[in-house]
Amino acid sequence: ARARARAVSAEMHSGFSALRRACPMNLRKTFKRK
């Protein structure tokens, strides 16, 4: 489980760049769905 936890953490650490670019971190505002 620890190995798998490290793998999914590493995937988050280095992945999902399209989502990160499309939805920049913003805790101050909620955006309308589009």
PDB file of all heavy atoms in Angstrom:
ATOM      1  N   ALA A   1       0.843  -1.206   0.000  1.00  0.00           N
ATOM      2  CA  ALA A   1       0.000   0.000   0.000  1.00  0.00           C
ATOM      3  C   ALA A   1       0.873   1.249   0.000  1.00  0.00           C
ATOM      4  O   ALA A   1       0.568   2.232  -0.675  1.00  0.00           O
ATOM      5  CB  ALA A   1      -0.945  -0.008   1.204  1.00  0.00           C
ATOM      6  N   ARG A   2       1.975   1.204   0.744  1.00  0.00           N
ATOM      7  CA  ARG A   2       2.889   2.349   0.791  1.00  0.00           C
ATOM      8  C   ARG A   2       3.496   2.613  -0.582  1.00  0.00           C
ATOM      9  O   ARG A   2       3.580   3.763  -1.031  1.00  0.00           O
ATOM     10  CB  ARG A   2       3.977   2.083   1.842  1.00  0.00           C
ATOM     11  CG  ARG A   2       4.790   3.281   2.200  1.00  0.00           C
ATOM     12  CD  ARG A   2       5.653   3.058   3.454  1.00  0.00           C
ATOM     13  NE  ARG A   2       6.458   1.843   3.418  1.00  0.00           N
ATOM     14  CZ  ARG A   2       6.237   0.748   4.145  1.00  0.00           C
ATOM     15  NH1 ARG A   2       5.213   0.704   4.972  1.00  0.00           N
ATOM     16  NH2 ARG A   2       7.049  -0.294   4.054  1.00  0.00           N
ATOM     17  N   ALA A   3       3.875   1.566  -1.289  1.00  0.00           N
ATOM     18  CA  ALA A   3       4.422   1.729  -2.641  1.00  0.00           C
ATOM     19  C   ALA A   3       3.375   2.325  -3.571  1.00  0.00           C
ATOM     20  O   ALA A   3       3.671   3.222  -4.368  1.00  0.00           O
ATOM     21  CB  ALA A   3       4.916   0.386  -3.175  1.00  0.00           C
ATOM     22  N   ARG A   4       2.147   1.833  -3.476  1.00  0.00           N
ATOM     23  CA  ARG A   4       1.071   2.364  -4.310  1.00  0.00           C
ATOM     24  C   ARG A   4       0.783   3.828  -3.945  1.00  0.00           C
ATOM     25  O   ARG A   4       0.562   4.662  -4.814  1.00  0.00           O
ATOM     26  CB  ARG A   4      -0.195   1.529  -4.179  1.00  0.00           C
ATOM     27  CG  ARG A   4      -1.286   1.956  -5.152  1.00  0.00           C
ATOM     28  CD  ARG A   4      -2.500   1.066  -5.074  1.00  0.00           C
ATOM     29  NE  ARG A   4      -2.258  -0.307  -5.492  1.00  0.00           N
ATOM     30  CZ  ARG A   4      -2.207  -0.708  -6.754  1.00  0.00           C
ATOM     31  NH1 ARG A   4      -2.379   0.160  -7.729  1.00  0.00           N
ATOM     32  NH2 ARG A   4      -2.004  -1.961  -7.053  1.00  0.00           N
ATOM     33  N   ALA A   5       0.801   4.145  -2.660  1.00  0.00           N
ATOM     34  CA  ALA A   5       0.566   5.533  -2.218  1.00  0.00           C
ATOM     35  C   ALA A   5       1.645   6.458  -2.779  1.00  0.00           C
ATOM     36  O   ALA A   5       1.364   7.575  -3.210  1.00  0.00           O
ATOM     37  CB  ALA A   5       0.532   5.606  -0.692  1.00  0.00           C
ATOM     38  N   ARG A   6       2.877   5.978  -2.785  1.00  0.00           N
ATOM     39  CA  ARG A   6       3.956   6.786  -3.365  1.00  0.00           C
ATOM     40  C   ARG A   6       3.759   6.953  -4.873  1.00  0.00           C
ATOM     41  O   ARG A   6       4.019   8.019  -5.427  1.00  0.00           O
ATOM     42  CB  ARG A   6       5.304   6.156  -3.052  1.00  0.00           C
ATOM     43  CG  ARG A   6       5.715   6.355  -1.607  1.00  0.00           C
ATOM     44  CD  ARG A   6       7.068   5.737  -1.323  1.00  0.00           C
ATOM     45  NE  ARG A   6       7.570   6.186  -0.051  1.00  0.00           N
ATOM     46  CZ  ARG A   6       7.987   5.363   0.915  1.00  0.00           C
ATOM     47  NH1 ARG A   6       7.947   4.050   0.732  1.00  0.00           N
ATOM     48  NH2 ARG A   6       8.451   5.857   2.039  1.00  0.00           N
ATOM     49  N   ALA A   7       3.281   5.906  -5.533  1.00  0.00           N
ATOM     50  CA  ALA A   7       3.059   5.986  -6.980  1.00  0.00           C
ATOM     51  C   ALA A   7       1.944   6.977  -7.321  1.00  0.00           C
ATOM     52  O   ALA A   7       2.111   7.796  -8.227  1.00  0.00           O
ATOM     53  CB  ALA A   7       2.736   4.600  -7.540  1.00  0.00           C
ATOM     54  N   VAL A   8       0.825   6.904  -6.615  1.00  0.00           N
ATOM     55  CA  VAL A   8      -0.262   7.845  -6.943  1.00  0.00           C
ATOM     56  C   VAL A   8       0.126   9.267  -6.555  1.00  0.00           C
ATOM     57  O   VAL A   8      -0.282  10.226  -7.227  1.00  0.00           O
ATOM     58  CB  VAL A   8      -1.632   7.437  -6.323  1.00  0.00           C
ATOM     59  CG1 VAL A   8      -2.083   6.088  -6.826  1.00  0.00           C
ATOM     60  CG2 VAL A   8      -1.636   7.492  -4.820  1.00  0.00           C
ATOM     61  N   SER A   9       0.957   9.416  -5.525  1.00  0.00           N
ATOM     62  CA  SER A   9       1.433  10.746  -5.149  1.00  0.00           C
ATOM     63  C   SER A   9       2.386  11.301  -6.205  1.00  0.00           C
ATOM     64  O   SER A   9       2.312  12.481  -6.565  1.00  0.00           O
ATOM     65  CB  SER A   9       2.128  10.693  -3.782  1.00  0.00           C
ATOM     66  OG  SER A   9       1.205  10.339  -2.783  1.00  0.00           O
ATOM     67  N   ALA A  10       3.271  10.452  -6.701  1.00  0.00           N
ATOM     68  CA  ALA A  10       4.196  10.886  -7.750  1.00  0.00           C
ATOM     69  C   ALA A  10       3.442  11.238  -9.026  1.00  0.00           C
ATOM     70  O   ALA A  10       3.797  12.200  -9.718  1.00  0.00           O
ATOM     71  CB  ALA A  10       5.231   9.790  -8.020  1.00  0.00           C
ATOM     72  N   GLU A  11       2.383  10.479  -9.325  1.00  0.00           N
ATOM     73  CA  GLU A  11       1.577  10.794 -10.506  1.00  0.00           C
ATOM     74  C   GLU A  11       0.947  12.170 -10.361  1.00  0.00           C
ATOM     75  O   GLU A  11       0.909  12.957 -11.313  1.00  0.00           O
ATOM     76  CB  GLU A  11       0.509   9.721 -10.709  1.00  0.00           C
ATOM     77  CG  GLU A  11      -0.292   9.903 -11.979  1.00  0.00           C
ATOM     78  CD  GLU A  11      -1.266   8.771 -12.253  1.00  0.00           C
ATOM     79  OE1 GLU A  11      -1.332   7.794 -11.476  1.00  0.00           O
ATOM     80  OE2 GLU A  11      -1.968   8.873 -13.276  1.00  0.00           O
ATOM     81  N   MET A  12       0.462  12.486  -9.165  1.00  0.00           N
ATOM     82  CA  MET A  12      -0.096  13.824  -8.935  1.00  0.00           C
ATOM     83  C   MET A  12       0.997  14.880  -9.044  1.00  0.00           C
ATOM     84  O   MET A  12       0.812  15.936  -9.643  1.00  0.00           O
ATOM     85  CB  MET A  12      -0.761  13.893  -7.559  1.00  0.00           C
ATOM     86  CG  MET A  12      -1.250  15.291  -7.179  1.00  0.00           C
ATOM     87  SD  MET A  12      -2.355  16.037  -8.399  1.00  0.00           S
ATOM     88  CE  MET A  12      -3.737  14.930  -8.313  1.00  0.00           C
ATOM     89  N   HIS A  13       2.137  14.592  -8.468  1.00  0.00           N
ATOM     90  CA  HIS A  13       3.246  15.539  -8.433  1.00  0.00           C
ATOM     91  C   HIS A  13       3.687  15.952  -9.831  1.00  0.00           C
ATOM     92  O   HIS A  13       3.970  17.120 -10.078  1.00  0.00           O
ATOM     93  CB  HIS A  13       4.401  14.887  -7.676  1.00  0.00           C
ATOM     94  CG  HIS A  13       5.543  15.779  -7.390  1.00  0.00           C
ATOM     95  ND1 HIS A  13       6.638  15.860  -8.207  1.00  0.00           N
ATOM     96  CD2 HIS A  13       5.769  16.632  -6.368  1.00  0.00           C
ATOM     97  CE1 HIS A  13       7.498  16.723  -7.693  1.00  0.00           C
ATOM     98  NE2 HIS A  13       6.993  17.204  -6.583  1.00  0.00           N
ATOM     99  N   SER A  14       3.712  14.991 -10.749  1.00  0.00           N
ATOM    100  CA  SER A  14       4.267  15.280 -12.073  1.00  0.00           C
ATOM    101  C   SER A  14       3.232  15.296 -13.187  1.00  0.00           C
ATOM    102  O   SER A  14       3.585  15.580 -14.325  1.00  0.00           O
ATOM    103  CB  SER A  14       5.340  14.237 -12.417  1.00  0.00           C
ATOM    104  OG  SER A  14       4.755  12.947 -12.498  1.00  0.00           O
ATOM    105  N   GLY A  15       1.990  15.025 -12.874  1.00  0.00           N
ATOM    106  CA  GLY A  15       1.005  14.877 -13.938  1.00  0.00           C
ATOM    107  C   GLY A  15      -0.119  15.889 -13.924  1.00  0.00           C
ATOM    108  O   GLY A  15      -0.093  16.877 -13.197  1.00  0.00           O
ATOM    109  N   PHE A  16      -1.086  15.615 -14.768  1.00  0.00           N
ATOM    110  CA  PHE A  16      -2.337  16.374 -14.855  1.00  0.00           C
ATOM    111  C   PHE A  16      -2.116  17.846 -15.221  1.00  0.00           C
ATOM    112  O   PHE A  16      -2.804  18.734 -14.741  1.00  0.00           O
ATOM    113  CB  PHE A  16      -3.143  16.237 -13.558  1.00  0.00           C
ATOM    114  CG  PHE A  16      -3.278  14.799 -13.110  1.00  0.00           C
ATOM    115  CD1 PHE A  16      -2.817  14.393 -11.873  1.00  0.00           C
ATOM    116  CD2 PHE A  16      -3.825  13.851 -13.958  1.00  0.00           C
ATOM    117  CE1 PHE A  16      -2.919  13.066 -11.466  1.00  0.00           C
ATOM    118  CE2 PHE A  16      -3.939  12.512 -13.562  1.00  0.00           C
ATOM    119  CZ  PHE A  16      -3.479  12.132 -12.318  1.00  0.00           C
ATOM    120  N   SER A  17      -1.154  18.073 -16.099  1.00  0.00           N
ATOM    121  CA  SER A  17      -0.797  19.456 -16.458  1.00  0.00           C
ATOM    122  C   SER A  17      -1.907  20.168 -17.226  1.00  0.00           C
ATOM    123  O   SER A  17      -2.076  21.383 -17.071  1.00  0.00           O
ATOM    124  CB  SER A  17       0.513  19.491 -17.237  1.00  0.00           C
ATOM    125  OG  SER A  17       0.417  18.689 -18.400  1.00  0.00           O
ATOM    126  N   ALA A  18      -2.667  19.457 -18.045  1.00  0.00           N
ATOM    127  CA  ALA A  18      -3.751  20.125 -18.783  1.00  0.00           C
ATOM    128  C   ALA A  18      -4.811  20.637 -17.820  1.00  0.00           C
ATOM    129  O   ALA A  18      -5.303  21.766 -17.963  1.00  0.00           O
ATOM    130  CB  ALA A  18      -4.366  19.170 -19.810  1.00  0.00           C
ATOM    131  N   LEU A  19      -5.166  19.841 -16.835  1.00  0.00           N
ATOM    132  CA  LEU A  19      -6.144  20.286 -15.841  1.00  0.00           C
ATOM    133  C   LEU A  19      -5.595  21.437 -15.014  1.00  0.00           C
ATOM    134  O   LEU A  19      -6.297  22.415 -14.744  1.00  0.00           O
ATOM    135  CB  LEU A  19      -6.553  19.128 -14.928  1.00  0.00           C
ATOM    136  CG  LEU A  19      -7.562  19.480 -13.836  1.00  0.00           C
ATOM    137  CD1 LEU A  19      -8.882  19.966 -14.437  1.00  0.00           C
ATOM    138  CD2 LEU A  19      -7.791  18.287 -12.924  1.00  0.00           C
ATOM    139  N   ARG A  20      -4.333  21.368 -14.644  1.00  0.00           N
ATOM    140  CA  ARG A  20      -3.714  22.457 -13.867  1.00  0.00           C
ATOM    141  C   ARG A  20      -3.724  23.770 -14.656  1.00  0.00           C
ATOM    142  O   ARG A  20      -3.987  24.825 -14.098  1.00  0.00           O
ATOM    143  CB  ARG A  20      -2.282  22.096 -13.489  1.00  0.00           C
ATOM    144  CG  ARG A  20      -2.173  20.971 -12.499  1.00  0.00           C
ATOM    145  CD  ARG A  20      -0.682  20.633 -12.315  1.00  0.00           C
ATOM    146  NE  ARG A  20      -0.467  19.361 -11.728  1.00  0.00           N
ATOM    147  CZ  ARG A  20      -0.249  19.134 -10.440  1.00  0.00           C
ATOM    148  NH1 ARG A  20      -0.244  20.124  -9.600  1.00  0.00           N
ATOM    149  NH2 ARG A  20      -0.043  17.916 -10.005  1.00  0.00           N
ATOM    150  N   ARG A  21      -3.408  23.678 -15.961  1.00  0.00           N
ATOM    151  CA  ARG A  21      -3.420  24.897 -16.782  1.00  0.00           C
ATOM    152  C   ARG A  21      -4.837  25.435 -16.957  1.00  0.00           C
ATOM    153  O   ARG A  21      -5.064  26.634 -16.918  1.00  0.00           O
ATOM    154  CB  ARG A  21      -2.817  24.610 -18.157  1.00  0.00           C
ATOM    155  CG  ARG A  21      -1.318  24.696 -18.213  1.00  0.00           C
ATOM    156  CD  ARG A  21      -0.781  24.660 -19.638  1.00  0.00           C
ATOM    157  NE  ARG A  21      -1.299  23.569 -20.445  1.00  0.00           N
ATOM    158  CZ  ARG A  21      -0.809  22.339 -20.475  1.00  0.00           C
ATOM    159  NH1 ARG A  21       0.214  22.027 -19.731  1.00  0.00           N
ATOM    160  NH2 ARG A  21      -1.348  21.407 -21.246  1.00  0.00           N
ATOM    161  N   ALA A  22      -5.792  24.547 -17.174  1.00  0.00           N
ATOM    162  CA  ALA A  22      -7.177  24.960 -17.421  1.00  0.00           C
ATOM    163  C   ALA A  22      -7.857  25.483 -16.163  1.00  0.00           C
ATOM    164  O   ALA A  22      -8.755  26.321 -16.258  1.00  0.00           O
ATOM    165  CB  ALA A  22      -7.973  23.784 -17.998  1.00  0.00           C
ATOM    166  N   CYS A  23      -7.437  24.999 -15.023  1.00  0.00           N
ATOM    167  CA  CYS A  23      -8.074  25.357 -13.749  1.00  0.00           C
ATOM    168  C   CYS A  23      -6.997  25.741 -12.735  1.00  0.00           C
ATOM    169  O   CYS A  23      -6.667  24.966 -11.827  1.00  0.00           O
ATOM    170  CB  CYS A  23      -8.897  24.184 -13.220  1.00  0.00           C
ATOM    171  SG  CYS A  23     -10.189  23.613 -14.320  1.00  0.00           S
ATOM    172  N   PRO A  24      -6.438  26.941 -12.868  1.00  0.00           N
ATOM    173  CA  PRO A  24      -5.394  27.358 -11.925  1.00  0.00           C
ATOM    174  C   PRO A  24      -5.930  27.360 -10.487  1.00  0.00           C
ATOM    175  O   PRO A  24      -7.120  27.592 -10.262  1.00  0.00           O
ATOM    176  CB  PRO A  24      -5.049  28.782 -12.368  1.00  0.00           C
ATOM    177  CG  PRO A  24      -5.599  28.922 -13.743  1.00  0.00           C
ATOM    178  CD  PRO A  24      -6.739  27.970 -13.860  1.00  0.00           C
ATOM    179  N   MET A  25      -5.047  27.115  -9.541  1.00  0.00           N
ATOM    180  CA  MET A  25      -5.452  27.088  -8.146  1.00  0.00           C
ATOM    181  C   MET A  25      -6.029  28.446  -7.747  1.00  0.00           C
ATOM    182  O   MET A  25      -5.405  29.484  -7.963  1.00  0.00           O
ATOM    183  CB  MET A  25      -4.250  26.762  -7.256  1.00  0.00           C
ATOM    184  CG  MET A  25      -4.583  26.713  -5.797  1.00  0.00           C
ATOM    185  SD  MET A  25      -5.893  25.546  -5.415  1.00  0.00           S
ATOM    186  CE  MET A  25      -4.980  24.041  -5.427  1.00  0.00           C
ATOM    187  N   ASN A  26      -7.226  28.424  -7.203  1.00  0.00           N
ATOM    188  CA  ASN A  26      -7.873  29.645  -6.739  1.00  0.00           C
ATOM    189  C   ASN A  26      -8.865  29.260  -5.648  1.00  0.00           C
ATOM    190  O   ASN A  26      -9.952  28.774  -5.933  1.00  0.00           O
ATOM    191  CB  ASN A  26      -8.581  30.356  -7.892  1.00  0.00           C
ATOM    192  CG  ASN A  26      -9.096  31.714  -7.478  1.00  0.00           C
ATOM    193  OD1 ASN A  26      -9.427  31.938  -6.320  1.00  0.00           O
ATOM    194  ND2 ASN A  26      -9.158  32.617  -8.425  1.00  0.00           N
ATOM    195  N   LEU A  27      -8.494  29.464  -4.414  1.00  0.00           N
ATOM    196  CA  LEU A  27      -9.364  29.120  -3.297  1.00  0.00           C
ATOM    197  C   LEU A  27     -10.330  30.249  -2.939  1.00  0.00           C
ATOM    198  O   LEU A  27     -11.201  30.069  -2.107  1.00  0.00           O
ATOM    199  CB  LEU A  27      -8.525  28.748  -2.072  1.00  0.00           C
ATOM    200  CG  LEU A  27      -7.668  27.502  -2.225  1.00  0.00           C
ATOM    201  CD1 LEU A  27      -6.727  27.341  -1.039  1.00  0.00           C
ATOM    202  CD2 LEU A  27      -8.532  26.275  -2.404  1.00  0.00           C
ATOM    203  N   ARG A  28     -10.166  31.403  -3.568  1.00  0.00           N
ATOM    204  CA  ARG A  28     -10.992  32.566  -3.236  1.00  0.00           C
ATOM    205  C   ARG A  28     -12.290  32.664  -4.024  1.00  0.00           C
ATOM    206  O   ARG A  28     -13.142  33.463  -3.693  1.00  0.00           O
ATOM    207  CB  ARG A  28     -10.194  33.841  -3.478  1.00  0.00           C
ATOM    208  CG  ARG A  28      -8.985  33.956  -2.616  1.00  0.00           C
ATOM    209  CD  ARG A  28      -8.237  35.241  -2.925  1.00  0.00           C
ATOM    210  NE  ARG A  28      -6.974  35.263  -2.247  1.00  0.00           N
ATOM    211  CZ  ARG A  28      -6.798  35.598  -0.983  1.00  0.00           C
ATOM    212  NH1 ARG A  28      -7.819  35.934  -0.253  1.00  0.00           N
ATOM    213  NH2 ARG A  28      -5.607  35.575  -0.452  1.00  0.00           N
ATOM    214  N   LYS A  29     -12.401  31.893  -5.071  1.00  0.00           N
ATOM    215  CA  LYS A  29     -13.533  32.083  -5.967  1.00  0.00           C
ATOM    216  C   LYS A  29     -14.029  30.739  -6.482  1.00  0.00           C
ATOM    217  O   LYS A  29     -13.254  29.822  -6.685  1.00  0.00           O
ATOM    218  CB  LYS A  29     -13.100  32.969  -7.142  1.00  0.00           C
ATOM    219  CG  LYS A  29     -14.197  33.307  -8.102  1.00  0.00           C
ATOM    220  CD  LYS A  29     -13.731  34.301  -9.146  1.00  0.00           C
ATOM    221  CE  LYS A  29     -14.800  34.416 -10.181  1.00  0.00           C
ATOM    222  NZ  LYS A  29     -15.095  35.665 -10.685  1.00  0.00           N
ATOM    223  N   THR A  30     -15.323  30.652  -6.701  1.00  0.00           N
ATOM    224  CA  THR A  30     -15.919  29.499  -7.357  1.00  0.00           C
ATOM    225  C   THR A  30     -16.351  29.945  -8.743  1.00  0.00           C
ATOM    226  O   THR A  30     -17.015  30.971  -8.884  1.00  0.00           O
ATOM    227  CB  THR A  30     -17.133  28.976  -6.567  1.00  0.00           C
ATOM    228  OG1 THR A  30     -16.680  28.611  -5.264  1.00  0.00           O
ATOM    229  CG2 THR A  30     -17.751  27.774  -7.241  1.00  0.00           C
ATOM    230  N   PHE A  31     -15.967  29.185  -9.742  1.00  0.00           N
ATOM    231  CA  PHE A  31     -16.268  29.529 -11.127  1.00  0.00           C
ATOM    232  C   PHE A  31     -17.474  28.745 -11.612  1.00  0.00           C
ATOM    233  O   PHE A  31     -17.710  27.616 -11.180  1.00  0.00           O
ATOM    234  CB  PHE A  31     -15.056  29.231 -12.017  1.00  0.00           C
ATOM    235  CG  PHE A  31     -13.851  30.057 -11.661  1.00  0.00           C
ATOM    236  CD1 PHE A  31     -12.935  29.598 -10.728  1.00  0.00           C
ATOM    237  CD2 PHE A  31     -13.644  31.293 -12.248  1.00  0.00           C
ATOM    238  CE1 PHE A  31     -11.829  30.353 -10.386  1.00  0.00           C
ATOM    239  CE2 PHE A  31     -12.541  32.061 -11.915  1.00  0.00           C
ATOM    240  CZ  PHE A  31     -11.636  31.590 -10.979  1.00  0.00           C
ATOM    241  N   LYS A  32     -18.200  29.341 -12.541  1.00  0.00           N
ATOM    242  CA  LYS A  32     -19.326  28.639 -13.158  1.00  0.00           C
ATOM    243  C   LYS A  32     -18.801  27.509 -14.027  1.00  0.00           C
ATOM    244  O   LYS A  32     -17.749  27.628 -14.655  1.00  0.00           O
ATOM    245  CB  LYS A  32     -20.146  29.606 -14.023  1.00  0.00           C
ATOM    246  CG  LYS A  32     -20.893  30.637 -13.219  1.00  0.00           C
ATOM    247  CD  LYS A  32     -21.686  31.549 -14.134  1.00  0.00           C
ATOM    248  CE  LYS A  32     -22.408  32.587 -13.308  1.00  0.00           C
ATOM    249  NZ  LYS A  32     -23.158  33.529 -14.130  1.00  0.00           N
ATOM    250  N   ARG A  33     -19.578  26.445 -14.056  1.00  0.00           N
ATOM    251  CA  ARG A  33     -19.205  25.296 -14.869  1.00  0.00           C
ATOM    252  C   ARG A  33     -19.214  25.687 -16.338  1.00  0.00           C
ATOM    253  O   ARG A  33     -20.154  26.276 -16.838  1.00  0.00           O
ATOM    254  CB  ARG A  33     -20.173  24.141 -14.645  1.00  0.00           C
ATOM    255  CG  ARG A  33     -19.801  22.905 -15.447  1.00  0.00           C
ATOM    256  CD  ARG A  33     -20.729  21.768 -15.190  1.00  0.00           C
ATOM    257  NE  ARG A  33     -20.627  21.363 -13.789  1.00  0.00           N
ATOM    258  CZ  ARG A  33     -21.336  20.405 -13.242  1.00  0.00           C
ATOM    259  NH1 ARG A  33     -22.209  19.741 -13.958  1.00  0.00           N
ATOM    260  NH2 ARG A  33     -21.187  20.099 -11.980  1.00  0.00           N
ATOM    261  N   LYS A  34     -18.139  25.361 -17.017  1.00  0.00           N
ATOM    262  CA  LYS A  34     -18.047  25.498 -18.468  1.00  0.00           C
ATOM    263  C   LYS A  34     -16.902  24.609 -18.922  1.00  0.00           C
ATOM    264  O   LYS A  34     -16.020  24.273 -18.120  1.00  0.00           O
ATOM    265  CB  LYS A  34     -17.836  26.954 -18.897  1.00  0.00           C
ATOM    266  CG  LYS A  34     -16.504  27.556 -18.532  1.00  0.00           C
ATOM    267  CD  LYS A  34     -16.397  28.977 -19.064  1.00  0.00           C
ATOM    268  CE  LYS A  34     -15.013  29.550 -18.849  1.00  0.00           C
ATOM    269  NZ  LYS A  34     -14.891  30.878 -19.394  1.00  0.00           N
TER     270      LYS A  34
END
